PDB file of N, CA and C in Angstrom:
ATOM      1  N   MET A   1      19.756  -7.709   2.575  1.00  0.00           N
ATOM      2  CA  MET A   1      19.790  -6.502   3.377  1.00  0.00           C
ATOM      3  C   MET A   1      18.617  -5.599   2.992  1.00  0.00           C
ATOM      4  N   THR A   2      18.448  -4.584   3.793  1.00  0.00           N
ATOM      5  CA  THR A   2      17.371  -3.636   3.582  1.00  0.00           C
ATOM      6  C   THR A   2      17.930  -2.303   3.106  1.00  0.00           C
ATOM      7  N   LEU A   3      17.259  -1.702   2.169  1.00  0.00           N
ATOM      8  CA  LEU A   3      17.661  -0.394   1.667  1.00  0.00           C
ATOM      9  C   LEU A   3      17.258   0.666   2.675  1.00  0.00           C
ATOM     10  N   ILE A   4      18.212   1.525   3.050  1.00  0.00           N
ATOM     11  CA  ILE A   4      17.925   2.618   3.975  1.00  0.00           C
ATOM     12  C   ILE A   4      18.448   3.926   3.393  1.00  0.00           C
ATOM     13  N   PHE A   5      17.967   5.032   3.939  1.00  0.00           N
ATOM     14  CA  PHE A   5      18.341   6.365   3.489  1.00  0.00           C
ATOM     15  C   PHE A   5      18.750   7.218   4.691  1.00  0.00           C
ATOM     16  N   PRO A   6      19.912   6.902   5.302  1.00  0.00           N
ATOM     17  CA  PRO A   6      20.305   7.634   6.508  1.00  0.00           C
ATOM     18  C   PRO A   6      20.816   9.044   6.227  1.00  0.00           C
ATOM     19  N   ASN A   7      21.241   9.305   5.009  1.00  0.00           N
ATOM     20  CA  ASN A   7      21.807  10.595   4.639  1.00  0.00           C
ATOM     21  C   ASN A   7      20.719  11.424   3.957  1.00  0.00           C
ATOM     22  N   ARG A   8      20.359  12.563   4.539  1.00  0.00           N
ATOM     23  CA  ARG A   8      19.280  13.388   3.985  1.00  0.00           C
ATOM     24  C   ARG A   8      19.744  14.289   2.837  1.00  0.00           C
ATOM     25  N   SER A   9      21.024  14.233   2.491  1.00  0.00           N
ATOM     26  CA  SER A   9      21.512  15.125   1.433  1.00  0.00           C
ATOM     27  C   SER A   9      20.932  14.733   0.078  1.00  0.00           C
ATOM     28  N   ARG A  10      20.790  15.737  -0.751  1.00  0.00           N
ATOM     29  CA  ARG A  10      20.321  15.577  -2.122  1.00  0.00           C
ATOM     30  C   ARG A  10      20.886  16.735  -2.908  1.00  0.00           C
ATOM     31  N   SER A  11      20.977  16.598  -4.213  1.00  0.00           N
ATOM     32  CA  SER A  11      21.508  17.670  -5.045  1.00  0.00           C
ATOM     33  C   SER A  11      20.811  17.653  -6.398  1.00  0.00           C
ATOM     34  N   TYR A  12      20.815  18.819  -7.019  1.00  0.00           N
ATOM     35  CA  TYR A  12      20.224  18.924  -8.347  1.00  0.00           C
ATOM     36  C   TYR A  12      21.301  18.692  -9.391  1.00  0.00           C
ATOM     37  N   ASP A  13      21.002  17.877 -10.384  1.00  0.00           N
ATOM     38  CA  ASP A  13      21.925  17.559 -11.470  1.00  0.00           C
ATOM     39  C   ASP A  13      21.395  18.203 -12.743  1.00  0.00           C
ATOM     40  N   ASP A  14      22.062  19.274 -13.195  1.00  0.00           N
ATOM     41  CA  ASP A  14      21.633  19.982 -14.416  1.00  0.00           C
ATOM     42  C   ASP A  14      21.623  19.083 -15.638  1.00  0.00           C
ATOM     43  N   ALA A  15      22.658  18.269 -15.783  1.00  0.00           N
ATOM     44  CA  ALA A  15      22.779  17.416 -16.967  1.00  0.00           C
ATOM     45  C   ALA A  15      21.623  16.428 -17.068  1.00  0.00           C
ATOM     46  N   MET A  16      21.201  15.880 -15.944  1.00  0.00           N
ATOM     47  CA  MET A  16      20.096  14.914 -15.937  1.00  0.00           C
ATOM     48  C   MET A  16      18.738  15.576 -15.753  1.00  0.00           C
ATOM     49  N   ASN A  17      18.736  16.851 -15.355  1.00  0.00           N
ATOM     50  CA  ASN A  17      17.498  17.552 -15.015  1.00  0.00           C
ATOM     51  C   ASN A  17      16.743  16.745 -13.959  1.00  0.00           C
ATOM     52  N   ALA A  18      17.470  16.446 -12.883  1.00  0.00           N
ATOM     53  CA  ALA A  18      16.934  15.560 -11.853  1.00  0.00           C
ATOM     54  C   ALA A  18      17.586  15.843 -10.501  1.00  0.00           C
ATOM     55  N   VAL A  19      16.929  15.388  -9.461  1.00  0.00           N
ATOM     56  CA  VAL A  19      17.497  15.452  -8.117  1.00  0.00           C
ATOM     57  C   VAL A  19      18.139  14.107  -7.819  1.00  0.00           C
ATOM     58  N   ARG A  20      19.383  14.142  -7.358  1.00  0.00           N
ATOM     59  CA  ARG A  20      20.126  12.921  -7.033  1.00  0.00           C
ATOM     60  C   ARG A  20      20.128  12.722  -5.520  1.00  0.00           C
ATOM     61  N   PHE A  21      20.024  11.461  -5.098  1.00  0.00           N
ATOM     62  CA  PHE A  21      20.098  11.119  -3.679  1.00  0.00           C
ATOM     63  C   PHE A  21      20.609   9.697  -3.558  1.00  0.00           C
ATOM     64  N   LEU A  22      21.022   9.322  -2.362  1.00  0.00           N
ATOM     65  CA  LEU A  22      21.649   8.016  -2.160  1.00  0.00           C
ATOM     66  C   LEU A  22      20.903   7.172  -1.140  1.00  0.00           C
ATOM     67  N   GLY A  23      20.884   5.881  -1.415  1.00  0.00           N
ATOM     68  CA  GLY A  23      20.415   4.892  -0.455  1.00  0.00           C
ATOM     69  C   GLY A  23      21.580   3.972  -0.148  1.00  0.00           C
ATOM     70  N   TYR A  24      21.410   3.154   0.881  1.00  0.00           N
ATOM     71  CA  TYR A  24      22.460   2.212   1.266  1.00  0.00           C
ATOM     72  C   TYR A  24      21.850   0.857   1.567  1.00  0.00           C
ATOM     73  N   ASP A  25      22.492  -0.157   1.034  1.00  0.00           N
ATOM     74  CA  ASP A  25      22.132  -1.545   1.317  1.00  0.00           C
ATOM     75  C   ASP A  25      23.367  -2.145   1.974  1.00  0.00           C
ATOM     76  N   GLY A  26      23.346  -2.183   3.292  1.00  0.00           N
ATOM     77  CA  GLY A  26      24.547  -2.583   4.018  1.00  0.00           C
ATOM     78  C   GLY A  26      25.631  -1.565   3.744  1.00  0.00           C
ATOM     79  N   MET A  27      26.778  -2.025   3.285  1.00  0.00           N
ATOM     80  CA  MET A  27      27.872  -1.107   2.990  1.00  0.00           C
ATOM     81  C   MET A  27      27.880  -0.630   1.533  1.00  0.00           C
ATOM     82  N   PHE A  28      26.886  -1.036   0.757  1.00  0.00           N
ATOM     83  CA  PHE A  28      26.816  -0.654  -0.649  1.00  0.00           C
ATOM     84  C   PHE A  28      25.994   0.617  -0.839  1.00  0.00           C
ATOM     85  N   GLU A  29      26.579   1.570  -1.569  1.00  0.00           N
ATOM     86  CA  GLU A  29      25.897   2.807  -1.899  1.00  0.00           C
ATOM     87  C   GLU A  29      25.022   2.562  -3.126  1.00  0.00           C
ATOM     88  N   VAL A  30      23.776   3.038  -3.086  1.00  0.00           N
ATOM     89  CA  VAL A  30      22.831   2.838  -4.191  1.00  0.00           C
ATOM     90  C   VAL A  30      22.366   4.216  -4.670  1.00  0.00           C
ATOM     91  N   PRO A  31      22.831   4.660  -5.848  1.00  0.00           N
ATOM     92  CA  PRO A  31      22.458   5.987  -6.345  1.00  0.00           C
ATOM     93  C   PRO A  31      21.069   6.007  -6.999  1.00  0.00           C
ATOM     94  N   PHE A  32      20.350   7.082  -6.701  1.00  0.00           N
ATOM     95  CA  PHE A  32      19.022   7.310  -7.262  1.00  0.00           C
ATOM     96  C   PHE A  32      18.958   8.728  -7.815  1.00  0.00           C
ATOM     97  N   SER A  33      18.051   8.937  -8.750  1.00  0.00           N
ATOM     98  CA  SER A  33      17.686  10.285  -9.166  1.00  0.00           C
ATOM     99  C   SER A  33      16.194  10.275  -9.470  1.00  0.00           C
ATOM    100  N   ILE A  34      15.612  11.451  -9.343  1.00  0.00           N
ATOM    101  CA  ILE A  34      14.203  11.606  -9.692  1.00  0.00           C
ATOM    102  C   ILE A  34      14.107  12.770 -10.668  1.00  0.00           C
ATOM    103  N   GLU A  35      13.505  12.504 -11.814  1.00  0.00           N
ATOM    104  CA  GLU A  35      13.394  13.520 -12.857  1.00  0.00           C
ATOM    105  C   GLU A  35      12.587  14.726 -12.384  1.00  0.00           C
ATOM    106  N   ALA A  36      12.955  15.901 -12.872  1.00  0.00           N
ATOM    107  CA  ALA A  36      12.234  17.127 -12.529  1.00  0.00           C
ATOM    108  C   ALA A  36      10.756  17.004 -12.901  1.00  0.00           C
ATOM    109  N   ALA A  37      10.472  16.356 -14.010  1.00  0.00           N
ATOM    110  CA  ALA A  37       9.080  16.177 -14.445  1.00  0.00           C
ATOM    111  C   ALA A  37       8.279  15.367 -13.428  1.00  0.00           C
ATOM    112  N   ALA A  38       8.921  14.415 -12.771  1.00  0.00           N
ATOM    113  CA  ALA A  38       8.229  13.608 -11.754  1.00  0.00           C
ATOM    114  C   ALA A  38       7.917  14.447 -10.520  1.00  0.00           C
ATOM    115  N   LEU A  39       8.671  15.523 -10.346  1.00  0.00           N
ATOM    116  CA  LEU A  39       8.414  16.445  -9.236  1.00  0.00           C
ATOM    117  C   LEU A  39       7.463  17.559  -9.663  1.00  0.00           C
ATOM    118  N   GLY A  40       7.021  17.511 -10.914  1.00  0.00           N
ATOM    119  CA  GLY A  40       6.089  18.507 -11.436  1.00  0.00           C
ATOM    120  C   GLY A  40       6.747  19.833 -11.757  1.00  0.00           C
ATOM    121  N   LYS A  41       8.042  19.808 -12.098  1.00  0.00           N
ATOM    122  CA  LYS A  41       8.778  21.048 -12.341  1.00  0.00           C
ATOM    123  C   LYS A  41       9.317  21.107 -13.761  1.00  0.00           C
ATOM    124  N   SER A  42       9.240  22.301 -14.349  1.00  0.00           N
ATOM    125  CA  SER A  42       9.842  22.553 -15.657  1.00  0.00           C
ATOM    126  C   SER A  42      10.079  24.050 -15.762  1.00  0.00           C
ATOM    127  N   GLY A  43      10.953  24.455 -16.661  1.00  0.00           N
ATOM    128  CA  GLY A  43      11.274  25.874 -16.823  1.00  0.00           C
ATOM    129  C   GLY A  43      12.763  26.084 -16.893  1.00  0.00           C
ATOM    130  N   SER A  44      13.208  27.303 -16.537  1.00  0.00           N
ATOM    131  CA  SER A  44      14.640  27.608 -16.606  1.00  0.00           C
ATOM    132  C   SER A  44      15.406  26.854 -15.530  1.00  0.00           C
ATOM    133  N   SER A  45      16.643  26.522 -15.821  1.00  0.00           N
ATOM    134  CA  SER A  45      17.428  25.669 -14.919  1.00  0.00           C
ATOM    135  C   SER A  45      17.655  26.290 -13.553  1.00  0.00           C
ATOM    136  N   GLU A  46      17.806  27.618 -13.470  1.00  0.00           N
ATOM    137  CA  GLU A  46      18.023  28.250 -12.167  1.00  0.00           C
ATOM    138  C   GLU A  46      16.795  28.095 -11.266  1.00  0.00           C
ATOM    139  N   ILE A  47      15.642  28.267 -11.829  1.00  0.00           N
ATOM    140  CA  ILE A  47      14.398  28.136 -11.062  1.00  0.00           C
ATOM    141  C   ILE A  47      14.123  26.668 -10.761  1.00  0.00           C
ATOM    142  N   ILE A  48      14.318  25.823 -11.738  1.00  0.00           N
ATOM    143  CA  ILE A  48      14.040  24.396 -11.557  1.00  0.00           C
ATOM    144  C   ILE A  48      14.858  23.810 -10.421  1.00  0.00           C
ATOM    145  N   ALA A  49      16.121  24.130 -10.343  1.00  0.00           N
ATOM    146  CA  ALA A  49      16.997  23.546  -9.316  1.00  0.00           C
ATOM    147  C   ALA A  49      16.442  23.781  -7.925  1.00  0.00           C
ATOM    148  N   SER A  50      16.156  25.014  -7.585  1.00  0.00           N
ATOM    149  CA  SER A  50      15.658  25.295  -6.230  1.00  0.00           C
ATOM    150  C   SER A  50      14.256  24.731  -6.023  1.00  0.00           C
ATOM    151  N   GLU A  51      13.392  24.824  -7.029  1.00  0.00           N
ATOM    152  CA  GLU A  51      12.038  24.284  -6.900  1.00  0.00           C
ATOM    153  C   GLU A  51      12.049  22.766  -6.757  1.00  0.00           C
ATOM    154  N   CYS A  52      12.934  22.100  -7.491  1.00  0.00           N
ATOM    155  CA  CYS A  52      13.023  20.639  -7.411  1.00  0.00           C
ATOM    156  C   CYS A  52      13.479  20.194  -6.026  1.00  0.00           C
ATOM    157  N   LEU A  53      14.440  20.895  -5.461  1.00  0.00           N
ATOM    158  CA  LEU A  53      14.926  20.522  -4.131  1.00  0.00           C
ATOM    159  C   LEU A  53      13.842  20.719  -3.078  1.00  0.00           C
ATOM    160  N   VAL A  54      13.089  21.799  -3.192  1.00  0.00           N
ATOM    161  CA  VAL A  54      11.976  22.038  -2.263  1.00  0.00           C
ATOM    162  C   VAL A  54      10.904  20.968  -2.439  1.00  0.00           C
ATOM    163  N   ALA A  55      10.564  20.653  -3.703  1.00  0.00           N
ATOM    164  CA  ALA A  55       9.554  19.624  -3.976  1.00  0.00           C
ATOM    165  C   ALA A  55      10.025  18.262  -3.478  1.00  0.00           C
ATOM    166  N   PHE A  56      11.307  17.956  -3.659  1.00  0.00           N
ATOM    167  CA  PHE A  56      11.855  16.690  -3.172  1.00  0.00           C
ATOM    168  C   PHE A  56      11.704  16.605  -1.655  1.00  0.00           C
ATOM    169  N   ASP A  57      12.087  17.665  -0.966  1.00  0.00           N
ATOM    170  CA  ASP A  57      11.989  17.662   0.497  1.00  0.00           C
ATOM    171  C   ASP A  57      10.549  17.484   0.971  1.00  0.00           C
ATOM    172  N   ALA A  58       9.619  18.112   0.264  1.00  0.00           N
ATOM    173  CA  ALA A  58       8.208  18.020   0.650  1.00  0.00           C
ATOM    174  C   ALA A  58       7.642  16.617   0.443  1.00  0.00           C
ATOM    175  N   ALA A  59       8.152  15.907  -0.560  1.00  0.00           N
ATOM    176  CA  ALA A  59       7.627  14.574  -0.886  1.00  0.00           C
ATOM    177  C   ALA A  59       8.614  13.466  -0.526  1.00  0.00           C
ATOM    178  N   ARG A  60       9.588  13.754   0.296  1.00  0.00           N
ATOM    179  CA  ARG A  60      10.664  12.806   0.608  1.00  0.00           C
ATOM    180  C   ARG A  60      10.138  11.430   0.999  1.00  0.00           C
ATOM    181  N   GLY A  61       9.179  11.340   1.876  1.00  0.00           N
ATOM    182  CA  GLY A  61       8.662  10.046   2.329  1.00  0.00           C
ATOM    183  C   GLY A  61       8.140   9.195   1.181  1.00  0.00           C
ATOM    184  N   THR A  62       7.335   9.794   0.333  1.00  0.00           N
ATOM    185  CA  THR A  62       6.780   9.078  -0.818  1.00  0.00           C
ATOM    186  C   THR A  62       7.886   8.682  -1.798  1.00  0.00           C
ATOM    187  N   ILE A  63       8.804   9.592  -2.051  1.00  0.00           N
ATOM    188  CA  ILE A  63       9.899   9.312  -2.985  1.00  0.00           C
ATOM    189  C   ILE A  63      10.736   8.140  -2.487  1.00  0.00           C
ATOM    190  N   LEU A  64      11.043   8.105  -1.209  1.00  0.00           N
ATOM    191  CA  LEU A  64      11.861   7.026  -0.661  1.00  0.00           C
ATOM    192  C   LEU A  64      11.128   5.687  -0.705  1.00  0.00           C
ATOM    193  N   GLU A  65       9.821   5.694  -0.525  1.00  0.00           N
ATOM    194  CA  GLU A  65       9.046   4.456  -0.642  1.00  0.00           C
ATOM    195  C   GLU A  65       9.072   3.933  -2.079  1.00  0.00           C
ATOM    196  N   VAL A  66       8.916   4.826  -3.046  1.00  0.00           N
ATOM    197  CA  VAL A  66       8.978   4.420  -4.456  1.00  0.00           C
ATOM    198  C   VAL A  66      10.379   3.914  -4.790  1.00  0.00           C
ATOM    199  N   ALA A  67      11.392   4.562  -4.249  1.00  0.00           N
ATOM    200  CA  ALA A  67      12.774   4.117  -4.479  1.00  0.00           C
ATOM    201  C   ALA A  67      12.981   2.706  -3.920  1.00  0.00           C
ATOM    202  N   LYS A  68      12.451   2.440  -2.746  1.00  0.00           N
ATOM    203  CA  LYS A  68      12.573   1.101  -2.146  1.00  0.00           C
ATOM    204  C   LYS A  68      11.900   0.043  -3.028  1.00  0.00           C
ATOM    205  N   LYS A  69      10.739   0.369  -3.571  1.00  0.00           N
ATOM    206  CA  LYS A  69      10.035  -0.573  -4.443  1.00  0.00           C
ATOM    207  C   LYS A  69      10.824  -0.831  -5.722  1.00  0.00           C
ATOM    208  N   ALA A  70      11.401   0.230  -6.300  1.00  0.00           N
ATOM    209  CA  ALA A  70      12.213   0.065  -7.516  1.00  0.00           C
ATOM    210  C   ALA A  70      13.425  -0.809  -7.223  1.00  0.00           C
ATOM    211  N   TYR A  71      14.040  -0.615  -6.091  1.00  0.00           N
ATOM    212  CA  TYR A  71      15.217  -1.398  -5.713  1.00  0.00           C
ATOM    213  C   TYR A  71      14.847  -2.860  -5.475  1.00  0.00           C
ATOM    214  N   ALA A  72      13.688  -3.102  -4.908  1.00  0.00           N
ATOM    215  CA  ALA A  72      13.244  -4.477  -4.632  1.00  0.00           C
ATOM    216  C   ALA A  72      12.954  -5.247  -5.918  1.00  0.00           C
ATOM    217  N   ARG A  73      12.513  -4.545  -6.982  1.00  0.00           N
ATOM    218  CA  ARG A  73      12.197  -5.200  -8.258  1.00  0.00           C
ATOM    219  C   ARG A  73      13.431  -5.767  -8.939  1.00  0.00           C
ATOM    220  N   ASP A  74      14.491  -4.983  -8.987  1.00  0.00           N
ATOM    221  CA  ASP A  74      15.726  -5.439  -9.633  1.00  0.00           C
ATOM    222  C   ASP A  74      16.901  -4.600  -9.152  1.00  0.00           C
ATOM    223  N   ARG A  75      18.082  -5.135  -9.364  1.00  0.00           N
ATOM    224  CA  ARG A  75      19.294  -4.449  -8.913  1.00  0.00           C
ATOM    225  C   ARG A  75      19.981  -3.816 -10.107  1.00  0.00           C
ATOM    226  N   ARG A  76      20.230  -2.521 -10.016  1.00  0.00           N
ATOM    227  CA  ARG A  76      20.892  -1.762 -11.074  1.00  0.00           C
ATOM    228  C   ARG A  76      22.021  -0.921 -10.487  1.00  0.00           C
ATOM    229  N   THR A  77      22.767  -0.281 -11.356  1.00  0.00           N
ATOM    230  CA  THR A  77      23.829   0.602 -10.879  1.00  0.00           C
ATOM    231  C   THR A  77      23.320   2.020 -10.628  1.00  0.00           C
ATOM    232  N   LEU A  78      22.188   2.383 -11.231  1.00  0.00           N
ATOM    233  CA  LEU A  78      21.564   3.686 -11.040  1.00  0.00           C
ATOM    234  C   LEU A  78      20.062   3.540 -11.243  1.00  0.00           C
ATOM    235  N   TYR A  79      19.299   4.147 -10.374  1.00  0.00           N
ATOM    236  CA  TYR A  79      17.846   4.133 -10.492  1.00  0.00           C
ATOM    237  C   TYR A  79      17.386   5.546 -10.839  1.00  0.00           C
ATOM    238  N   VAL A  80      16.591   5.669 -11.898  1.00  0.00           N
ATOM    239  CA  VAL A  80      16.027   6.949 -12.299  1.00  0.00           C
ATOM    240  C   VAL A  80      14.515   6.850 -12.129  1.00  0.00           C
ATOM    241  N   LEU A  81      13.994   7.573 -11.167  1.00  0.00           N
ATOM    242  CA  LEU A  81      12.554   7.557 -10.911  1.00  0.00           C
ATOM    243  C   LEU A  81      11.884   8.559 -11.835  1.00  0.00           C
ATOM    244  N   LYS A  82      10.782   8.114 -12.449  1.00  0.00           N
ATOM    245  CA  LYS A  82      10.037   8.941 -13.406  1.00  0.00           C
ATOM    246  C   LYS A  82       8.607   9.112 -12.891  1.00  0.00           C
ATOM    247  N   ALA A  83       7.880  10.010 -13.506  1.00  0.00           N
ATOM    248  CA  ALA A  83       6.502  10.291 -13.096  1.00  0.00           C
ATOM    249  C   ALA A  83       5.657   9.015 -13.068  1.00  0.00           C
ATOM    250  N   LYS A  84       5.845   8.130 -14.029  1.00  0.00           N
ATOM    251  CA  LYS A  84       5.042   6.885 -14.095  1.00  0.00           C
ATOM    252  C   LYS A  84       5.258   6.007 -12.871  1.00  0.00           C
ATOM    253  N   ASP A  85       6.398   6.132 -12.209  1.00  0.00           N
ATOM    254  CA  ASP A  85       6.670   5.317 -11.014  1.00  0.00           C
ATOM    255  C   ASP A  85       5.801   5.724  -9.828  1.00  0.00           C
ATOM    256  N   PHE A  86       5.171   6.892  -9.906  1.00  0.00           N
ATOM    257  CA  PHE A  86       4.374   7.407  -8.790  1.00  0.00           C
ATOM    258  C   PHE A  86       2.880   7.251  -9.007  1.00  0.00           C
ATOM    259  N   ARG A  87       2.498   6.506 -10.025  1.00  0.00           N
ATOM    260  CA  ARG A  87       1.058   6.299 -10.297  1.00  0.00           C
ATOM    261  C   ARG A  87       0.571   5.089  -9.586  1.00  0.00           C
TER     262      ARG A  87
END
């Protein structure tokens, strides 16, 4: 099957310091997160949360392409995208 991202929702996870989003492979949900550092954000958690969500929305196309490549490499229960994945 092909990984798709029909749901545009995303949320900030304080514990992970990352933005979480979901992909789907058929009927299987595939969880992803992207670290705040990969979005170029750092600082206080209140500021980071809103800035990360804005940065995620601005780079959504690129982030989803990187997520697809990570998913194609291997199958995991959670994918954490880091700055190195975007080089």
